[in-house]
Amino acid sequence: MSRLQVLFGNPRLALGALFTLLLAAGAVVGSGADFTASSANPANTFASGTLSMVNSKQGVAVLQASGMRPGDAASVGTVDIENTGSLAGTFTLTRSTPVDSDAGNPMSGKLGVTVVDCGTFVGSTAPTCGDVDDVVKYSGGTLAEMGTPGHTVGALGNFPSGAKHRYRFSVALDASAGDAYQGDSSSVQFDFNAV
């Protein structure tokens, strides 16, 4: 006779064996000496910074010139750019595609452009344009060439939060502009960007 037959034939013996097994299992599980410890760091908070700017001439032209003559002195305009975000940012200057009134004689190809960083504001005091610490960001090319290979606009730099710079734009009609450019016009949008 097998052991199973003996256990099934005698219910008391089967219950006793089952009870013994349960006690043994409980003793093994209950006798484990597990040590535990825990520590919590609640309310961990994460927030992003901001990158924003203020353009003193937002939505309007930096400069406008009319009645230009070939070889005359340049027309000048200034704009102030401030990093108003909480993060530092790398600032750049780009331009849109010039729109010329005469496609056959595009005036943008005869407009000499210079862009100068006059410096950083100290508090509310603006930097002086035209002094020895000016940094030329674009010069020696026309409006049509500005930003093209060989005529790149220099990086404006990394502005910490709160930094404010003044830029001076100068535009002059080249002395080589002949009669074909009389009455012509050219317009462009300058865009300051930050990343």
N, C-alpha and C. Protein backbone atom coordinates (compact mmCIF):
# COMPACT_ATOMS: atom_id res chain seq x y z
N MET A 1 0.83 -1.15 0.00
CA MET A 1 0.00 0.00 0.00
C MET A 1 0.90 1.24 0.00
N SER A 2 0.52 2.23 -0.80
CA SER A 2 1.34 3.42 -0.92
C SER A 2 1.04 4.39 0.21
N ARG A 3 1.91 5.35 0.39
CA ARG A 3 1.73 6.33 1.46
C ARG A 3 0.47 7.17 1.23
N LEU A 4 0.22 7.50 -0.01
CA LEU A 4 -0.99 8.28 -0.31
C LEU A 4 -2.25 7.49 0.04
N GLN A 5 -2.25 6.24 -0.26
CA GLN A 5 -3.41 5.42 0.07
C GLN A 5 -3.61 5.37 1.57
N VAL A 6 -2.51 5.32 2.31
CA VAL A 6 -2.60 5.28 3.78
C VAL A 6 -3.19 6.59 4.28
N LEU A 7 -2.69 7.75 3.71
CA LEU A 7 -3.19 9.04 4.16
C LEU A 7 -4.66 9.23 3.82
N PHE A 8 -5.05 8.85 2.59
CA PHE A 8 -6.46 9.02 2.20
C PHE A 8 -7.36 8.05 2.96
N GLY A 9 -6.82 6.93 3.33
CA GLY A 9 -7.61 5.94 4.08
C GLY A 9 -7.80 6.34 5.52
N ASN A 10 -6.96 7.16 6.05
CA ASN A 10 -7.05 7.57 7.44
C ASN A 10 -7.10 9.09 7.48
N PRO A 11 -8.29 9.70 7.55
CA PRO A 11 -8.42 11.15 7.49
C PRO A 11 -7.72 11.86 8.66
N ARG A 12 -7.67 11.28 9.83
CA ARG A 12 -6.99 11.92 10.94
C ARG A 12 -5.50 12.01 10.66
N LEU A 13 -4.96 10.98 10.13
CA LEU A 13 -3.54 10.97 9.80
C LEU A 13 -3.24 12.03 8.72
N ALA A 14 -4.14 12.15 7.73
CA ALA A 14 -3.97 13.13 6.66
C ALA A 14 -4.02 14.55 7.23
N LEU A 15 -4.97 14.81 8.14
CA LEU A 15 -5.07 16.13 8.75
C LEU A 15 -3.84 16.42 9.60
N GLY A 16 -3.32 15.47 10.28
CA GLY A 16 -2.13 15.66 11.11
C GLY A 16 -0.92 15.99 10.25
N ALA A 17 -0.78 15.27 9.12
CA ALA A 17 0.34 15.54 8.22
C ALA A 17 0.23 16.95 7.63
N LEU A 18 -0.99 17.33 7.25
CA LEU A 18 -1.20 18.67 6.69
C LEU A 18 -0.91 19.75 7.72
N PHE A 19 -1.34 19.54 8.95
CA PHE A 19 -1.11 20.49 10.02
C PHE A 19 0.39 20.64 10.29
N THR A 20 1.13 19.53 10.27
CA THR A 20 2.57 19.55 10.49
C THR A 20 3.26 20.34 9.38
N LEU A 21 2.83 20.14 8.15
CA LEU A 21 3.41 20.89 7.02
C LEU A 21 3.14 22.40 7.15
N LEU A 22 1.94 22.77 7.54
CA LEU A 22 1.59 24.19 7.70
C LEU A 22 2.41 24.82 8.83
N LEU A 23 2.60 24.12 9.92
CA LEU A 23 3.42 24.64 11.02
C LEU A 23 4.86 24.84 10.57
N ALA A 24 5.38 23.89 9.81
CA ALA A 24 6.76 24.00 9.34
C ALA A 24 6.92 25.20 8.39
N ALA A 25 5.96 25.38 7.49
CA ALA A 25 6.02 26.50 6.56
C ALA A 25 5.92 27.82 7.31
N GLY A 26 5.05 27.90 8.29
CA GLY A 26 4.90 29.12 9.09
C GLY A 26 6.16 29.44 9.86
N ALA A 27 6.83 28.42 10.36
CA ALA A 27 8.07 28.63 11.11
C ALA A 27 9.17 29.16 10.20
N VAL A 28 9.23 28.65 8.96
CA VAL A 28 10.26 29.12 8.03
C VAL A 28 10.00 30.58 7.65
N VAL A 29 8.76 30.90 7.32
CA VAL A 29 8.43 32.26 6.92
C VAL A 29 8.53 33.21 8.11
N GLY A 30 8.02 32.84 9.24
CA GLY A 30 7.99 33.69 10.42
C GLY A 30 9.33 33.89 11.07
N SER A 31 10.28 33.01 10.84
CA SER A 31 11.56 33.12 11.52
C SER A 31 12.55 33.96 10.73
N GLY A 32 12.18 34.49 9.55
CA GLY A 32 13.10 35.31 8.75
C GLY A 32 13.45 36.59 9.49
N ALA A 33 14.71 36.90 9.61
CA ALA A 33 15.16 38.10 10.31
C ALA A 33 15.49 39.15 9.25
N ASP A 34 14.47 39.81 8.70
CA ASP A 34 14.67 40.84 7.69
C ASP A 34 14.73 42.20 8.35
N PHE A 35 15.79 42.99 8.01
CA PHE A 35 15.90 44.35 8.49
C PHE A 35 15.48 45.27 7.36
N THR A 36 14.76 46.30 7.67
CA THR A 36 14.35 47.27 6.66
C THR A 36 14.54 48.69 7.20
N ALA A 37 14.71 49.62 6.28
CA ALA A 37 14.80 51.02 6.64
C ALA A 37 14.29 51.82 5.45
N SER A 38 13.79 52.99 5.68
CA SER A 38 13.33 53.83 4.57
C SER A 38 13.56 55.30 4.93
N SER A 39 13.68 56.10 3.89
CA SER A 39 13.85 57.53 4.04
C SER A 39 13.19 58.18 2.84
N ALA A 40 12.49 59.29 3.04
CA ALA A 40 11.76 59.94 1.95
C ALA A 40 12.25 61.36 1.75
N ASN A 41 12.22 61.80 0.50
CA ASN A 41 12.50 63.19 0.14
C ASN A 41 11.28 63.71 -0.61
N PRO A 42 10.30 64.25 0.09
CA PRO A 42 9.07 64.67 -0.57
C PRO A 42 9.19 66.02 -1.28
N ALA A 43 8.24 66.29 -2.11
CA ALA A 43 8.05 67.59 -2.76
C ALA A 43 9.24 68.03 -3.61
N ASN A 44 9.85 67.11 -4.35
CA ASN A 44 10.88 67.49 -5.31
C ASN A 44 10.19 68.24 -6.43
N THR A 45 10.63 69.46 -6.69
CA THR A 45 9.97 70.32 -7.66
C THR A 45 10.95 70.71 -8.75
N PHE A 46 10.50 70.70 -9.99
CA PHE A 46 11.33 71.05 -11.12
C PHE A 46 10.59 72.09 -11.96
N ALA A 47 11.31 73.12 -12.37
CA ALA A 47 10.68 74.17 -13.18
C ALA A 47 11.66 74.61 -14.27
N SER A 48 11.13 74.94 -15.41
CA SER A 48 11.98 75.42 -16.51
C SER A 48 12.21 76.91 -16.37
N GLY A 49 13.33 77.37 -16.93
CA GLY A 49 13.61 78.79 -16.97
C GLY A 49 12.92 79.41 -18.18
N THR A 50 13.13 80.69 -18.37
CA THR A 50 12.52 81.39 -19.50
C THR A 50 13.60 82.08 -20.33
N LEU A 51 13.33 82.19 -21.60
CA LEU A 51 14.18 82.94 -22.51
C LEU A 51 13.27 83.88 -23.29
N SER A 52 13.40 85.15 -23.04
CA SER A 52 12.56 86.14 -23.71
C SER A 52 13.38 87.42 -23.92
N MET A 53 12.90 88.25 -24.81
CA MET A 53 13.63 89.50 -25.08
C MET A 53 12.65 90.64 -25.27
N VAL A 54 13.19 91.83 -25.07
CA VAL A 54 12.46 93.06 -25.37
C VAL A 54 13.25 93.79 -26.44
N ASN A 55 12.55 94.16 -27.50
CA ASN A 55 13.11 94.92 -28.62
C ASN A 55 12.52 96.32 -28.51
N SER A 56 13.37 97.33 -28.33
CA SER A 56 12.87 98.70 -28.12
C SER A 56 12.06 99.23 -29.31
N LYS A 57 12.20 98.58 -30.47
CA LYS A 57 11.45 99.01 -31.64
C LYS A 57 10.62 97.86 -32.21
N GLN A 58 10.11 97.04 -31.32
CA GLN A 58 9.30 95.89 -31.73
C GLN A 58 8.16 96.34 -32.65
N GLY A 59 8.11 95.73 -33.82
CA GLY A 59 7.02 96.00 -34.75
C GLY A 59 7.18 97.24 -35.61
N VAL A 60 8.29 97.97 -35.44
CA VAL A 60 8.54 99.16 -36.28
C VAL A 60 9.96 99.08 -36.85
N ALA A 61 10.22 99.90 -37.84
CA ALA A 61 11.53 99.88 -38.51
C ALA A 61 12.63 100.42 -37.59
N VAL A 62 13.82 99.83 -37.70
CA VAL A 62 14.99 100.35 -36.99
C VAL A 62 15.38 101.69 -37.61
N LEU A 63 15.29 101.78 -38.93
CA LEU A 63 15.57 103.04 -39.61
C LEU A 63 14.83 103.09 -40.95
N GLN A 64 14.54 104.29 -41.37
CA GLN A 64 13.93 104.53 -42.69
C GLN A 64 14.70 105.68 -43.32
N ALA A 65 14.95 105.55 -44.61
CA ALA A 65 15.67 106.61 -45.32
C ALA A 65 14.96 106.87 -46.64
N SER A 66 14.73 108.13 -46.92
CA SER A 66 14.13 108.49 -48.21
C SER A 66 14.98 109.61 -48.82
N GLY A 67 14.84 109.79 -50.13
CA GLY A 67 15.60 110.83 -50.81
C GLY A 67 17.10 110.54 -50.82
N MET A 68 17.46 109.27 -50.77
CA MET A 68 18.89 108.90 -50.74
C MET A 68 19.56 109.25 -52.07
N ARG A 69 20.78 109.74 -52.01
CA ARG A 69 21.60 110.03 -53.19
C ARG A 69 22.81 109.12 -53.18
N PRO A 70 23.23 108.68 -54.35
CA PRO A 70 24.44 107.87 -54.41
C PRO A 70 25.63 108.60 -53.77
N GLY A 71 26.32 107.93 -52.86
CA GLY A 71 27.50 108.49 -52.23
C GLY A 71 27.25 109.39 -51.04
N ASP A 72 25.98 109.69 -50.71
CA ASP A 72 25.69 110.53 -49.54
C ASP A 72 26.03 109.77 -48.25
N ALA A 73 26.07 110.52 -47.16
CA ALA A 73 26.32 109.92 -45.84
C ALA A 73 25.22 108.91 -45.51
N ALA A 74 25.58 107.96 -44.69
CA ALA A 74 24.65 106.89 -44.31
C ALA A 74 23.53 107.41 -43.41
N SER A 75 22.37 106.80 -43.56
CA SER A 75 21.27 107.01 -42.62
C SER A 75 21.48 106.03 -41.46
N VAL A 76 21.16 106.48 -40.24
CA VAL A 76 21.48 105.68 -39.05
C VAL A 76 20.23 105.51 -38.19
N GLY A 77 20.12 104.34 -37.59
CA GLY A 77 19.07 104.06 -36.62
C GLY A 77 19.60 103.12 -35.55
N THR A 78 19.04 103.19 -34.35
CA THR A 78 19.48 102.32 -33.26
C THR A 78 18.29 101.53 -32.71
N VAL A 79 18.62 100.41 -32.11
CA VAL A 79 17.63 99.57 -31.45
C VAL A 79 18.29 98.94 -30.23
N ASP A 80 17.52 98.79 -29.15
CA ASP A 80 18.02 98.17 -27.93
C ASP A 80 17.38 96.79 -27.78
N ILE A 81 18.22 95.79 -27.49
CA ILE A 81 17.76 94.41 -27.33
C ILE A 81 18.15 93.96 -25.92
N GLU A 82 17.15 93.48 -25.15
CA GLU A 82 17.39 93.06 -23.77
C GLU A 82 16.92 91.64 -23.54
N ASN A 83 17.73 90.85 -22.85
CA ASN A 83 17.34 89.51 -22.44
C ASN A 83 16.53 89.66 -21.15
N THR A 84 15.21 89.48 -21.24
CA THR A 84 14.33 89.63 -20.08
C THR A 84 13.96 88.28 -19.46
N GLY A 85 14.56 87.20 -19.96
CA GLY A 85 14.28 85.88 -19.40
C GLY A 85 15.15 85.59 -18.19
N SER A 86 14.94 84.42 -17.59
CA SER A 86 15.73 84.01 -16.43
C SER A 86 16.98 83.23 -16.84
N LEU A 87 17.08 82.86 -18.12
CA LEU A 87 18.20 82.08 -18.63
C LEU A 87 19.08 82.93 -19.53
N ALA A 88 20.36 82.58 -19.61
CA ALA A 88 21.25 83.20 -20.59
C ALA A 88 20.86 82.66 -21.97
N GLY A 89 21.11 83.43 -23.00
CA GLY A 89 20.77 82.99 -24.36
C GLY A 89 21.78 83.49 -25.37
N THR A 90 21.94 82.72 -26.44
CA THR A 90 22.80 83.12 -27.55
C THR A 90 21.94 83.90 -28.54
N PHE A 91 22.30 85.14 -28.76
CA PHE A 91 21.50 86.03 -29.60
C PHE A 91 22.13 86.16 -30.99
N THR A 92 21.27 86.20 -32.01
CA THR A 92 21.72 86.35 -33.39
C THR A 92 20.83 87.36 -34.10
N LEU A 93 21.32 87.81 -35.25
CA LEU A 93 20.57 88.75 -36.10
C LEU A 93 20.49 88.16 -37.50
N THR A 94 19.29 88.12 -38.05
CA THR A 94 19.08 87.68 -39.43
C THR A 94 18.21 88.72 -40.13
N ARG A 95 18.06 88.56 -41.44
CA ARG A 95 17.18 89.45 -42.19
C ARG A 95 16.29 88.61 -43.09
N SER A 96 15.16 89.18 -43.45
CA SER A 96 14.28 88.53 -44.42
C SER A 96 14.84 88.78 -45.82
N THR A 97 14.23 88.18 -46.81
CA THR A 97 14.62 88.45 -48.20
C THR A 97 14.21 89.88 -48.55
N PRO A 98 15.14 90.69 -49.06
CA PRO A 98 14.78 92.07 -49.42
C PRO A 98 13.71 92.10 -50.52
N VAL A 99 12.84 93.08 -50.43
CA VAL A 99 11.81 93.29 -51.44
C VAL A 99 12.18 94.58 -52.18
N ASP A 100 12.51 94.43 -53.46
CA ASP A 100 12.94 95.57 -54.29
C ASP A 100 11.83 95.96 -55.25
N SER A 101 11.65 97.27 -55.43
CA SER A 101 10.61 97.76 -56.35
C SER A 101 10.98 97.52 -57.81
N ASP A 102 12.27 97.40 -58.11
CA ASP A 102 12.74 97.19 -59.49
C ASP A 102 13.57 95.92 -59.53
N ALA A 103 12.97 94.84 -60.03
CA ALA A 103 13.67 93.55 -60.06
C ALA A 103 14.87 93.57 -61.00
N GLY A 104 14.82 94.40 -62.04
CA GLY A 104 15.93 94.49 -62.98
C GLY A 104 17.13 95.21 -62.40
N ASN A 105 16.89 96.15 -61.51
CA ASN A 105 17.95 96.92 -60.85
C ASN A 105 17.65 96.93 -59.35
N PRO A 106 17.86 95.81 -58.68
CA PRO A 106 17.49 95.74 -57.26
C PRO A 106 18.33 96.69 -56.39
N MET A 107 17.64 97.61 -55.76
CA MET A 107 18.31 98.59 -54.93
C MET A 107 19.05 97.95 -53.76
N SER A 108 18.58 96.79 -53.28
CA SER A 108 19.24 96.12 -52.15
C SER A 108 20.68 95.75 -52.48
N GLY A 109 20.98 95.62 -53.78
CA GLY A 109 22.34 95.33 -54.20
C GLY A 109 23.24 96.55 -54.20
N LYS A 110 22.69 97.74 -53.96
CA LYS A 110 23.48 98.98 -53.93
C LYS A 110 23.42 99.66 -52.56
N LEU A 111 22.75 99.04 -51.60
CA LEU A 111 22.67 99.63 -50.26
C LEU A 111 23.73 99.01 -49.35
N GLY A 112 24.74 99.78 -49.02
CA GLY A 112 25.78 99.32 -48.09
C GLY A 112 25.25 99.35 -46.67
N VAL A 113 25.42 98.24 -45.95
CA VAL A 113 24.88 98.12 -44.60
C VAL A 113 26.00 97.86 -43.60
N THR A 114 25.91 98.51 -42.45
CA THR A 114 26.81 98.25 -41.33
C THR A 114 25.96 98.09 -40.08
N VAL A 115 26.27 97.05 -39.28
CA VAL A 115 25.60 96.84 -37.99
C VAL A 115 26.69 96.79 -36.93
N VAL A 116 26.54 97.62 -35.90
CA VAL A 116 27.54 97.74 -34.84
C VAL A 116 26.87 97.51 -33.49
N ASP A 117 27.53 96.72 -32.63
CA ASP A 117 27.11 96.57 -31.23
C ASP A 117 27.79 97.69 -30.46
N CYS A 118 27.02 98.66 -30.01
CA CYS A 118 27.58 99.82 -29.31
C CYS A 118 27.99 99.46 -27.88
N GLY A 119 27.52 98.34 -27.37
CA GLY A 119 27.90 97.91 -26.02
C GLY A 119 26.69 97.60 -25.17
N THR A 120 26.99 97.33 -23.90
CA THR A 120 25.98 96.93 -22.92
C THR A 120 25.57 98.12 -22.06
N PHE A 121 24.29 98.18 -21.74
CA PHE A 121 23.79 99.19 -20.81
C PHE A 121 24.40 98.94 -19.43
N VAL A 122 24.67 100.00 -18.71
CA VAL A 122 25.07 99.90 -17.31
C VAL A 122 23.92 100.51 -16.52
N GLY A 123 23.12 99.64 -15.92
CA GLY A 123 21.89 100.12 -15.28
C GLY A 123 20.97 100.66 -16.36
N SER A 124 20.56 101.90 -16.22
CA SER A 124 19.71 102.51 -17.25
C SER A 124 20.51 103.40 -18.21
N THR A 125 21.83 103.43 -18.05
CA THR A 125 22.68 104.27 -18.90
C THR A 125 23.04 103.53 -20.18
N ALA A 126 22.65 104.13 -21.30
CA ALA A 126 22.92 103.52 -22.61
C ALA A 126 24.38 103.66 -22.98
N PRO A 127 24.91 102.68 -23.72
CA PRO A 127 26.29 102.80 -24.20
C PRO A 127 26.37 103.87 -25.29
N THR A 128 27.57 104.41 -25.49
CA THR A 128 27.79 105.42 -26.53
C THR A 128 28.14 104.72 -27.84
N CYS A 129 27.41 105.05 -28.89
CA CYS A 129 27.74 104.51 -30.21
C CYS A 129 28.80 105.40 -30.85
N GLY A 130 29.75 104.77 -31.55
CA GLY A 130 30.78 105.53 -32.23
C GLY A 130 32.06 105.68 -31.44
N ASP A 131 32.15 105.02 -30.28
CA ASP A 131 33.40 105.11 -29.52
C ASP A 131 34.28 103.88 -29.78
N VAL A 132 35.37 103.76 -29.06
CA VAL A 132 36.37 102.73 -29.35
C VAL A 132 35.93 101.32 -28.98
N ASP A 133 34.91 101.16 -28.14
CA ASP A 133 34.52 99.81 -27.75
C ASP A 133 33.38 99.23 -28.59
N ASP A 134 33.01 99.91 -29.68
CA ASP A 134 32.00 99.36 -30.60
C ASP A 134 32.53 98.08 -31.25
N VAL A 135 31.64 97.13 -31.47
CA VAL A 135 32.02 95.88 -32.12
C VAL A 135 31.20 95.74 -33.40
N VAL A 136 31.87 95.70 -34.53
CA VAL A 136 31.19 95.59 -35.83
C VAL A 136 30.67 94.15 -35.98
N LYS A 137 29.38 94.01 -36.28
CA LYS A 137 28.78 92.70 -36.48
C LYS A 137 28.55 92.40 -37.96
N TYR A 138 28.41 93.45 -38.77
CA TYR A 138 28.30 93.28 -40.23
C TYR A 138 28.76 94.56 -40.89
N SER A 139 29.62 94.39 -41.89
CA SER A 139 30.11 95.54 -42.64
C SER A 139 30.74 95.04 -43.93
N GLY A 140 30.83 95.92 -44.92
CA GLY A 140 31.53 95.58 -46.15
C GLY A 140 30.68 94.88 -47.18
N GLY A 141 29.40 94.80 -46.96
CA GLY A 141 28.52 94.16 -47.92
C GLY A 141 27.24 94.95 -48.08
N THR A 142 26.47 94.51 -49.04
CA THR A 142 25.19 95.18 -49.31
C THR A 142 24.07 94.49 -48.54
N LEU A 143 22.91 95.12 -48.59
CA LEU A 143 21.73 94.52 -47.97
C LEU A 143 21.42 93.18 -48.63
N ALA A 144 21.56 93.10 -49.95
CA ALA A 144 21.29 91.85 -50.66
C ALA A 144 22.26 90.74 -50.25
N GLU A 145 23.50 91.10 -49.93
CA GLU A 145 24.52 90.11 -49.57
C GLU A 145 24.46 89.71 -48.10
N MET A 146 23.88 90.54 -47.27
CA MET A 146 23.88 90.32 -45.82
C MET A 146 23.35 88.93 -45.47
N GLY A 147 24.18 88.18 -44.74
CA GLY A 147 23.79 86.83 -44.29
C GLY A 147 24.07 85.73 -45.28
N THR A 148 24.63 86.06 -46.44
CA THR A 148 24.96 85.04 -47.45
C THR A 148 26.40 84.59 -47.24
N PRO A 149 26.81 83.46 -47.84
CA PRO A 149 28.20 83.01 -47.68
C PRO A 149 29.20 84.12 -48.04
N GLY A 150 30.16 84.30 -47.16
CA GLY A 150 31.14 85.35 -47.35
C GLY A 150 30.70 86.69 -46.78
N HIS A 151 29.45 86.79 -46.38
CA HIS A 151 28.90 88.04 -45.83
C HIS A 151 28.05 87.75 -44.60
N THR A 152 28.58 86.90 -43.73
CA THR A 152 27.81 86.50 -42.55
C THR A 152 27.73 87.64 -41.54
N VAL A 153 26.68 87.59 -40.75
CA VAL A 153 26.51 88.54 -39.65
C VAL A 153 27.13 87.89 -38.43
N GLY A 154 28.02 88.60 -37.76
CA GLY A 154 28.67 88.06 -36.57
C GLY A 154 27.66 87.75 -35.48
N ALA A 155 27.93 86.69 -34.71
CA ALA A 155 27.05 86.34 -33.58
C ALA A 155 27.00 87.52 -32.62
N LEU A 156 25.83 87.79 -32.11
CA LEU A 156 25.68 88.91 -31.18
C LEU A 156 26.21 88.56 -29.80
N GLY A 157 26.31 87.28 -29.50
CA GLY A 157 26.90 86.84 -28.24
C GLY A 157 25.92 86.20 -27.31
N ASN A 158 26.45 85.77 -26.16
CA ASN A 158 25.65 85.15 -25.12
C ASN A 158 25.27 86.23 -24.12
N PHE A 159 23.97 86.48 -24.00
CA PHE A 159 23.48 87.52 -23.09
C PHE A 159 23.01 86.85 -21.79
N PRO A 160 23.59 87.21 -20.66
CA PRO A 160 23.02 86.71 -19.40
C PRO A 160 21.66 87.38 -19.16
N SER A 161 20.92 86.83 -18.23
CA SER A 161 19.63 87.42 -17.88
C SER A 161 19.81 88.87 -17.49
N GLY A 162 19.00 89.75 -18.07
CA GLY A 162 19.05 91.17 -17.75
C GLY A 162 19.99 91.99 -18.61
N ALA A 163 20.82 91.34 -19.44
CA ALA A 163 21.76 92.10 -20.29
C ALA A 163 21.00 92.83 -21.39
N LYS A 164 21.44 94.05 -21.67
CA LYS A 164 20.78 94.89 -22.68
C LYS A 164 21.86 95.55 -23.53
N HIS A 165 21.75 95.37 -24.86
CA HIS A 165 22.72 95.93 -25.81
C HIS A 165 22.02 96.93 -26.73
N ARG A 166 22.81 97.89 -27.20
CA ARG A 166 22.32 98.83 -28.22
C ARG A 166 23.05 98.52 -29.53
N TYR A 167 22.27 98.47 -30.62
CA TYR A 167 22.82 98.23 -31.96
C TYR A 167 22.54 99.42 -32.85
N ARG A 168 23.56 99.80 -33.65
CA ARG A 168 23.41 100.91 -34.60
C ARG A 168 23.47 100.33 -36.01
N PHE A 169 22.43 100.63 -36.79
CA PHE A 169 22.36 100.21 -38.20
C PHE A 169 22.62 101.44 -39.06
N SER A 170 23.49 101.28 -40.06
CA SER A 170 23.79 102.37 -41.00
C SER A 170 23.56 101.85 -42.41
N VAL A 171 22.89 102.65 -43.24
CA VAL A 171 22.62 102.26 -44.64
C VAL A 171 22.92 103.46 -45.52
N ALA A 172 23.68 103.19 -46.60
CA ALA A 172 24.02 104.26 -47.56
C ALA A 172 23.88 103.71 -48.98
N LEU A 173 23.45 104.56 -49.89
CA LEU A 173 23.34 104.20 -51.31
C LEU A 173 24.71 104.38 -51.94
N ASP A 174 25.22 103.29 -52.49
CA ASP A 174 26.56 103.27 -53.08
C ASP A 174 26.69 104.31 -54.20
N ALA A 175 27.88 104.89 -54.30
CA ALA A 175 28.15 105.92 -55.31
C ALA A 175 28.03 105.39 -56.73
N SER A 176 28.10 104.07 -56.91
CA SER A 176 28.00 103.49 -58.25
C SER A 176 26.56 103.33 -58.72
N ALA A 177 25.57 103.65 -57.87
CA ALA A 177 24.17 103.53 -58.27
C ALA A 177 23.86 104.61 -59.30
N GLY A 178 23.58 104.21 -60.54
CA GLY A 178 23.33 105.16 -61.62
C GLY A 178 21.86 105.53 -61.75
N ASP A 179 21.53 106.12 -62.89
CA ASP A 179 20.17 106.60 -63.15
C ASP A 179 19.11 105.51 -63.06
N ALA A 180 19.50 104.27 -63.32
CA ALA A 180 18.54 103.16 -63.29
C ALA A 180 17.94 102.97 -61.90
N TYR A 181 18.57 103.52 -60.86
CA TYR A 181 18.09 103.33 -59.48
C TYR A 181 17.25 104.50 -58.97
N GLN A 182 17.04 105.51 -59.80
CA GLN A 182 16.23 106.65 -59.38
C GLN A 182 14.80 106.21 -59.09
N GLY A 183 14.28 106.67 -57.97
CA GLY A 183 12.89 106.38 -57.60
C GLY A 183 12.67 104.95 -57.10
N ASP A 184 13.73 104.14 -57.00
CA ASP A 184 13.59 102.76 -56.53
C ASP A 184 13.48 102.72 -55.00
N SER A 185 13.05 101.57 -54.53
CA SER A 185 13.00 101.36 -53.08
C SER A 185 13.32 99.90 -52.77
N SER A 186 13.68 99.67 -51.53
CA SER A 186 13.98 98.32 -51.04
C SER A 186 13.55 98.27 -49.57
N SER A 187 12.98 97.16 -49.17
CA SER A 187 12.60 97.00 -47.76
C SER A 187 13.00 95.61 -47.29
N VAL A 188 13.22 95.51 -45.99
CA VAL A 188 13.67 94.25 -45.40
C VAL A 188 13.24 94.23 -43.93
N GLN A 189 13.12 93.05 -43.38
CA GLN A 189 12.83 92.88 -41.95
C GLN A 189 14.08 92.34 -41.27
N PHE A 190 14.48 92.96 -40.16
CA PHE A 190 15.59 92.45 -39.35
C PHE A 190 14.99 91.68 -38.18
N ASP A 191 15.52 90.49 -37.93
CA ASP A 191 15.00 89.63 -36.87
C ASP A 191 16.11 89.31 -35.85
N PHE A 192 15.83 89.62 -34.60
CA PHE A 192 16.72 89.22 -33.51
C PHE A 192 16.18 87.91 -32.94
N ASN A 193 17.08 86.95 -32.75
CA ASN A 193 16.67 85.62 -32.28
C ASN A 193 17.53 85.22 -31.09
N ALA A 194 17.00 84.36 -30.24
CA ALA A 194 17.75 83.85 -29.09
C ALA A 194 17.45 82.37 -28.88
N VAL A 195 18.50 81.62 -28.54
CA VAL A 195 18.33 80.20 -28.22
C VAL A 195 19.10 79.89 -26.95
